[in-house]
Amino acid sequence: MKAIRTRSQERILNLLKTIKQGISAQDIYVELRNRNTSMGLATVYRSLEALKLEGLVQMRALANGEALYSLAQQDKHHLTCLQCGTSIPINQCPVHELETQLQGTHKFKVFYHTLEFFGLCSQCQLTQAE
């Protein structure tokens, strides 16, 4: 059964379809205002939460605590530098088999997963060694 979405949720989904990388709720709020479809920041957060529970939107938390939202199309994997914030995508996924196994053994519907490693990029390692 398809959930009935609010106009705000539809506007956010349409915006996310045009943006290829993750975006913060604050930036979604600003972008909607720029497109003359403004809504309150609290509505943006409520809509994102509802879309997340439907499995349509995924959230990724950065090392600084900022949350980035994107369409839940594919699993995301990254190496993230704690010093400069650089985030390097990892294209292979070492946990797909585990995901399938967990869905079966726990009767749990997985919408997406994230895998993130935190440390120092090569540039920051060089500056730290000086």
N, C-alpha and C. Protein backbone atom coordinates (compact mmCIF):
# COMPACT_ATOMS: atom_id res chain seq x y z
N MET A 1 0.84 -1.19 0.00
CA MET A 1 0.00 0.00 0.00
C MET A 1 0.88 1.25 0.00
N LYS A 2 0.64 2.13 -0.91
CA LYS A 2 1.43 3.35 -1.04
C LYS A 2 0.96 4.39 -0.03
N ALA A 3 1.92 4.99 0.65
CA ALA A 3 1.58 6.02 1.63
C ALA A 3 1.15 7.29 0.92
N ILE A 4 0.24 8.00 1.54
CA ILE A 4 -0.19 9.30 1.01
C ILE A 4 0.80 10.34 1.53
N ARG A 5 1.37 11.08 0.60
CA ARG A 5 2.37 12.08 0.98
C ARG A 5 1.77 13.47 0.97
N THR A 6 2.31 14.31 1.84
CA THR A 6 1.88 15.71 1.89
C THR A 6 2.54 16.47 0.74
N ARG A 7 2.01 17.65 0.48
CA ARG A 7 2.59 18.51 -0.56
C ARG A 7 4.05 18.85 -0.20
N SER A 8 4.32 19.07 1.08
CA SER A 8 5.68 19.38 1.52
C SER A 8 6.63 18.22 1.23
N GLN A 9 6.17 17.00 1.51
CA GLN A 9 7.01 15.83 1.24
C GLN A 9 7.28 15.69 -0.25
N GLU A 10 6.27 15.92 -1.07
CA GLU A 10 6.45 15.85 -2.52
C GLU A 10 7.44 16.90 -3.01
N ARG A 11 7.36 18.10 -2.47
CA ARG A 11 8.28 19.17 -2.87
C ARG A 11 9.72 18.80 -2.51
N ILE A 12 9.91 18.23 -1.33
CA ILE A 12 11.26 17.83 -0.91
C ILE A 12 11.77 16.69 -1.79
N LEU A 13 10.93 15.71 -2.09
CA LEU A 13 11.33 14.61 -2.98
C LEU A 13 11.74 15.14 -4.34
N ASN A 14 10.95 16.05 -4.88
CA ASN A 14 11.27 16.63 -6.19
C ASN A 14 12.59 17.40 -6.16
N LEU A 15 12.84 18.11 -5.08
CA LEU A 15 14.10 18.83 -4.93
C LEU A 15 15.26 17.84 -4.86
N LEU A 16 15.13 16.80 -4.05
CA LEU A 16 16.21 15.82 -3.90
C LEU A 16 16.51 15.10 -5.21
N LYS A 17 15.51 14.96 -6.08
CA LYS A 17 15.73 14.32 -7.38
C LYS A 17 16.65 15.16 -8.26
N THR A 18 16.70 16.47 -8.02
CA THR A 18 17.53 17.35 -8.85
C THR A 18 18.93 17.54 -8.27
N ILE A 19 19.15 17.05 -7.06
CA ILE A 19 20.44 17.26 -6.38
C ILE A 19 21.13 15.91 -6.26
N LYS A 20 22.35 15.81 -6.75
CA LYS A 20 23.04 14.53 -6.83
C LYS A 20 23.78 14.14 -5.54
N GLN A 21 24.11 15.10 -4.71
CA GLN A 21 24.83 14.78 -3.47
C GLN A 21 23.93 15.05 -2.27
N GLY A 22 24.37 14.65 -1.10
CA GLY A 22 23.60 14.90 0.11
C GLY A 22 23.48 16.39 0.39
N ILE A 23 22.39 16.77 1.05
CA ILE A 23 22.12 18.17 1.36
C ILE A 23 21.53 18.25 2.76
N SER A 24 21.88 19.29 3.50
CA SER A 24 21.37 19.45 4.86
C SER A 24 19.92 19.95 4.84
N ALA A 25 19.22 19.75 5.93
CA ALA A 25 17.84 20.24 6.03
C ALA A 25 17.80 21.76 5.90
N GLN A 26 18.79 22.42 6.48
CA GLN A 26 18.87 23.88 6.38
C GLN A 26 19.02 24.32 4.92
N ASP A 27 19.86 23.60 4.17
CA ASP A 27 20.05 23.94 2.75
C ASP A 27 18.81 23.61 1.93
N ILE A 28 18.09 22.56 2.30
CA ILE A 28 16.81 22.25 1.63
C ILE A 28 15.85 23.41 1.84
N TYR A 29 15.78 23.89 3.07
CA TYR A 29 14.92 25.03 3.43
C TYR A 29 15.26 26.25 2.56
N VAL A 30 16.56 26.56 2.45
CA VAL A 30 17.01 27.71 1.66
C VAL A 30 16.71 27.49 0.17
N GLU A 31 16.99 26.30 -0.32
CA GLU A 31 16.77 26.00 -1.74
C GLU A 31 15.29 26.10 -2.10
N LEU A 32 14.41 25.64 -1.22
CA LEU A 32 12.97 25.74 -1.48
C LEU A 32 12.54 27.21 -1.53
N ARG A 33 13.10 28.01 -0.63
CA ARG A 33 12.78 29.45 -0.65
C ARG A 33 13.26 30.08 -1.95
N ASN A 34 14.45 29.69 -2.42
CA ASN A 34 14.99 30.22 -3.68
C ASN A 34 14.11 29.84 -4.86
N ARG A 35 13.40 28.73 -4.74
CA ARG A 35 12.52 28.26 -5.82
C ARG A 35 11.08 28.70 -5.60
N ASN A 36 10.87 29.65 -4.71
CA ASN A 36 9.55 30.19 -4.41
C ASN A 36 8.54 29.13 -3.94
N THR A 37 9.03 28.13 -3.24
CA THR A 37 8.15 27.11 -2.66
C THR A 37 8.53 26.96 -1.19
N SER A 38 8.53 28.08 -0.49
CA SER A 38 9.03 28.07 0.88
C SER A 38 8.09 27.30 1.82
N MET A 39 8.73 26.74 2.86
CA MET A 39 8.00 26.09 3.95
C MET A 39 8.85 26.29 5.18
N GLY A 40 8.25 26.14 6.33
CA GLY A 40 8.98 26.33 7.57
C GLY A 40 10.04 25.26 7.77
N LEU A 41 11.10 25.61 8.50
CA LEU A 41 12.18 24.67 8.76
C LEU A 41 11.67 23.44 9.52
N ALA A 42 10.76 23.63 10.46
CA ALA A 42 10.20 22.50 11.21
C ALA A 42 9.46 21.55 10.26
N THR A 43 8.78 22.09 9.26
CA THR A 43 8.07 21.27 8.27
C THR A 43 9.07 20.48 7.43
N VAL A 44 10.20 21.11 7.10
CA VAL A 44 11.24 20.41 6.34
C VAL A 44 11.71 19.19 7.15
N TYR A 45 12.00 19.39 8.43
CA TYR A 45 12.47 18.28 9.28
C TYR A 45 11.40 17.19 9.42
N ARG A 46 10.15 17.59 9.64
CA ARG A 46 9.06 16.60 9.77
C ARG A 46 8.89 15.81 8.48
N SER A 47 8.94 16.50 7.36
CA SER A 47 8.79 15.84 6.06
C SER A 47 9.94 14.87 5.80
N LEU A 48 11.16 15.29 6.11
CA LEU A 48 12.31 14.41 5.92
C LEU A 48 12.19 13.16 6.79
N GLU A 49 11.73 13.33 8.02
CA GLU A 49 11.57 12.19 8.93
C GLU A 49 10.53 11.21 8.39
N ALA A 50 9.42 11.72 7.89
CA ALA A 50 8.37 10.86 7.33
C ALA A 50 8.89 10.13 6.08
N LEU A 51 9.63 10.82 5.24
CA LEU A 51 10.18 10.20 4.03
C LEU A 51 11.24 9.16 4.37
N LYS A 52 11.98 9.42 5.45
CA LYS A 52 12.98 8.45 5.92
C LYS A 52 12.29 7.16 6.37
N LEU A 53 11.18 7.30 7.10
CA LEU A 53 10.45 6.13 7.59
C LEU A 53 9.80 5.33 6.47
N GLU A 54 9.59 5.96 5.32
CA GLU A 54 9.06 5.27 4.14
C GLU A 54 10.17 4.59 3.35
N GLY A 55 11.41 4.92 3.69
CA GLY A 55 12.54 4.34 2.96
C GLY A 55 12.87 5.08 1.69
N LEU A 56 12.34 6.29 1.52
CA LEU A 56 12.57 7.07 0.31
C LEU A 56 13.77 8.00 0.42
N VAL A 57 14.10 8.39 1.65
CA VAL A 57 15.19 9.33 1.89
C VAL A 57 16.15 8.69 2.88
N GLN A 58 17.43 8.87 2.63
CA GLN A 58 18.42 8.39 3.59
C GLN A 58 19.18 9.56 4.17
N MET A 59 19.68 9.36 5.39
CA MET A 59 20.42 10.39 6.08
C MET A 59 21.81 9.88 6.37
N ARG A 60 22.78 10.74 6.19
CA ARG A 60 24.17 10.41 6.50
C ARG A 60 24.70 11.49 7.43
N ALA A 61 25.22 11.08 8.58
CA ALA A 61 25.78 12.03 9.54
C ALA A 61 27.27 12.21 9.28
N LEU A 62 27.69 13.46 9.15
CA LEU A 62 29.10 13.76 8.96
C LEU A 62 29.82 13.75 10.30
N ALA A 63 31.14 13.79 10.26
CA ALA A 63 31.95 13.76 11.48
C ALA A 63 31.62 14.94 12.40
N ASN A 64 31.22 16.09 11.82
CA ASN A 64 30.90 17.27 12.62
C ASN A 64 29.46 17.25 13.16
N GLY A 65 28.73 16.16 12.89
CA GLY A 65 27.37 16.02 13.39
C GLY A 65 26.30 16.49 12.43
N GLU A 66 26.69 17.16 11.34
CA GLU A 66 25.70 17.62 10.37
C GLU A 66 25.08 16.43 9.63
N ALA A 67 23.78 16.49 9.44
CA ALA A 67 23.07 15.42 8.74
C ALA A 67 22.84 15.83 7.29
N LEU A 68 23.16 14.94 6.37
CA LEU A 68 22.92 15.17 4.94
C LEU A 68 21.87 14.19 4.46
N TYR A 69 20.93 14.69 3.68
CA TYR A 69 19.83 13.88 3.19
C TYR A 69 19.95 13.70 1.68
N SER A 70 19.54 12.53 1.20
CA SER A 70 19.52 12.26 -0.24
C SER A 70 18.46 11.20 -0.50
N LEU A 71 18.13 11.02 -1.78
CA LEU A 71 17.20 9.95 -2.12
C LEU A 71 17.84 8.62 -1.78
N ALA A 72 17.06 7.70 -1.26
CA ALA A 72 17.57 6.37 -0.90
C ALA A 72 17.61 5.51 -2.14
N GLN A 73 18.64 5.67 -2.93
CA GLN A 73 18.76 4.91 -4.18
C GLN A 73 19.77 3.79 -4.04
N GLN A 74 20.85 4.08 -3.39
CA GLN A 74 21.89 3.08 -3.27
C GLN A 74 22.56 3.23 -1.92
N ASP A 75 23.24 2.17 -1.52
CA ASP A 75 23.96 2.20 -0.26
C ASP A 75 25.17 3.12 -0.41
N LYS A 76 25.54 3.76 0.68
CA LYS A 76 26.64 4.71 0.65
C LYS A 76 27.77 4.21 1.54
N HIS A 77 29.00 4.33 1.04
CA HIS A 77 30.18 3.91 1.78
C HIS A 77 31.24 4.98 1.60
N HIS A 78 31.88 5.40 2.71
CA HIS A 78 32.84 6.50 2.62
C HIS A 78 34.01 6.33 3.58
N LEU A 79 35.13 6.95 3.21
CA LEU A 79 36.25 7.20 4.10
C LEU A 79 36.18 8.69 4.39
N THR A 80 36.09 9.08 5.67
CA THR A 80 35.91 10.49 6.01
C THR A 80 37.05 10.94 6.91
N CYS A 81 37.70 12.04 6.50
CA CYS A 81 38.81 12.61 7.27
C CYS A 81 38.26 13.46 8.40
N LEU A 82 38.70 13.16 9.61
CA LEU A 82 38.23 13.89 10.78
C LEU A 82 38.81 15.29 10.86
N GLN A 83 39.94 15.53 10.18
CA GLN A 83 40.59 16.83 10.27
C GLN A 83 40.04 17.82 9.24
N CYS A 84 40.03 17.45 7.96
CA CYS A 84 39.60 18.41 6.92
C CYS A 84 38.17 18.16 6.44
N GLY A 85 37.59 17.01 6.80
CA GLY A 85 36.21 16.73 6.42
C GLY A 85 36.05 16.13 5.04
N THR A 86 37.16 15.88 4.33
CA THR A 86 37.08 15.25 3.02
C THR A 86 36.40 13.90 3.15
N SER A 87 35.51 13.60 2.21
CA SER A 87 34.79 12.34 2.23
C SER A 87 35.02 11.64 0.89
N ILE A 88 35.62 10.45 0.94
CA ILE A 88 35.98 9.70 -0.26
C ILE A 88 35.01 8.53 -0.41
N PRO A 89 34.24 8.48 -1.51
CA PRO A 89 33.32 7.36 -1.69
C PRO A 89 34.07 6.05 -1.93
N ILE A 90 33.54 4.96 -1.37
CA ILE A 90 34.06 3.61 -1.61
C ILE A 90 33.03 2.92 -2.49
N ASN A 91 33.45 2.39 -3.61
CA ASN A 91 32.51 1.82 -4.56
C ASN A 91 32.11 0.37 -4.28
N GLN A 92 32.98 -0.40 -3.67
CA GLN A 92 32.61 -1.79 -3.40
C GLN A 92 31.94 -1.89 -2.03
N CYS A 93 31.10 -2.90 -1.86
CA CYS A 93 30.38 -3.08 -0.59
C CYS A 93 30.70 -4.43 0.02
N PRO A 94 31.33 -4.42 1.19
CA PRO A 94 31.67 -5.69 1.84
C PRO A 94 30.55 -6.28 2.70
N VAL A 95 29.39 -5.64 2.76
CA VAL A 95 28.36 -6.12 3.70
C VAL A 95 27.03 -6.53 3.05
N HIS A 96 26.96 -6.65 1.73
CA HIS A 96 25.69 -7.03 1.10
C HIS A 96 25.21 -8.41 1.55
N GLU A 97 26.13 -9.37 1.67
CA GLU A 97 25.74 -10.71 2.13
C GLU A 97 25.18 -10.65 3.55
N LEU A 98 25.83 -9.88 4.41
CA LEU A 98 25.35 -9.73 5.78
C LEU A 98 23.96 -9.11 5.80
N GLU A 99 23.72 -8.11 4.96
CA GLU A 99 22.41 -7.46 4.89
C GLU A 99 21.33 -8.47 4.52
N THR A 100 21.59 -9.28 3.50
CA THR A 100 20.63 -10.30 3.07
C THR A 100 20.37 -11.30 4.20
N GLN A 101 21.42 -11.72 4.87
CA GLN A 101 21.29 -12.67 5.98
C GLN A 101 20.46 -12.08 7.12
N LEU A 102 20.73 -10.83 7.47
CA LEU A 102 20.00 -10.18 8.57
C LEU A 102 18.52 -10.01 8.23
N GLN A 103 18.22 -9.68 6.98
CA GLN A 103 16.82 -9.54 6.57
C GLN A 103 16.08 -10.86 6.76
N GLY A 104 16.74 -11.96 6.45
CA GLY A 104 16.11 -13.26 6.58
C GLY A 104 15.97 -13.72 8.02
N THR A 105 17.06 -13.63 8.78
CA THR A 105 17.04 -14.16 10.15
C THR A 105 16.22 -13.30 11.11
N HIS A 106 16.14 -12.02 10.86
CA HIS A 106 15.42 -11.13 11.78
C HIS A 106 14.10 -10.62 11.22
N LYS A 107 13.74 -11.04 9.99
CA LYS A 107 12.50 -10.56 9.36
C LYS A 107 12.45 -9.03 9.40
N PHE A 108 13.56 -8.43 8.99
CA PHE A 108 13.75 -6.98 9.06
C PHE A 108 13.89 -6.45 7.65
N LYS A 109 13.08 -5.48 7.28
CA LYS A 109 13.15 -4.90 5.93
C LYS A 109 14.20 -3.78 5.92
N VAL A 110 15.29 -4.01 5.21
CA VAL A 110 16.36 -3.02 5.12
C VAL A 110 16.10 -2.13 3.91
N PHE A 111 16.04 -0.81 4.14
CA PHE A 111 15.87 0.15 3.05
C PHE A 111 17.23 0.49 2.42
N TYR A 112 18.22 0.68 3.26
CA TYR A 112 19.57 1.02 2.81
C TYR A 112 20.51 0.84 3.99
N HIS A 113 21.79 0.91 3.74
CA HIS A 113 22.76 0.93 4.82
C HIS A 113 23.88 1.90 4.47
N THR A 114 24.60 2.31 5.48
CA THR A 114 25.77 3.16 5.28
C THR A 114 26.95 2.50 5.98
N LEU A 115 28.11 2.74 5.46
CA LEU A 115 29.33 2.22 6.05
C LEU A 115 30.34 3.35 5.97
N GLU A 116 30.87 3.75 7.11
CA GLU A 116 31.75 4.91 7.12
C GLU A 116 32.96 4.62 7.99
N PHE A 117 34.12 4.93 7.46
CA PHE A 117 35.36 4.80 8.20
C PHE A 117 35.89 6.20 8.46
N PHE A 118 36.33 6.47 9.69
CA PHE A 118 36.83 7.79 10.06
C PHE A 118 38.32 7.71 10.37
N GLY A 119 39.06 8.72 9.94
CA GLY A 119 40.49 8.77 10.19
C GLY A 119 41.08 10.01 9.57
N LEU A 120 42.33 9.90 9.07
CA LEU A 120 43.00 11.04 8.46
C LEU A 120 43.35 10.72 7.02
N CYS A 121 43.04 11.65 6.11
CA CYS A 121 43.40 11.48 4.71
C CYS A 121 44.92 11.64 4.56
N SER A 122 45.44 11.31 3.38
CA SER A 122 46.89 11.37 3.17
C SER A 122 47.44 12.79 3.35
N GLN A 123 46.68 13.81 2.89
CA GLN A 123 47.11 15.21 3.03
C GLN A 123 47.25 15.59 4.50
N CYS A 124 46.24 15.24 5.31
CA CYS A 124 46.26 15.60 6.74
C CYS A 124 47.30 14.81 7.50
N GLN A 125 47.60 13.59 7.05
CA GLN A 125 48.67 12.82 7.68
C GLN A 125 50.00 13.51 7.48
N LEU A 126 50.21 14.09 6.28
CA LEU A 126 51.45 14.80 5.98
C LEU A 126 51.60 16.04 6.85
N THR A 127 50.52 16.82 6.97
CA THR A 127 50.61 18.05 7.78
C THR A 127 50.76 17.72 9.25
N GLN A 128 50.20 16.59 9.69
CA GLN A 128 50.33 16.20 11.09
C GLN A 128 51.75 15.75 11.41
N ALA A 129 52.42 15.16 10.43
CA ALA A 129 53.78 14.63 10.62
C ALA A 129 54.82 15.75 10.67
N GLU A 130 54.48 16.92 10.16
CA GLU A 130 55.45 18.05 10.13
C GLU A 130 55.69 18.65 11.49
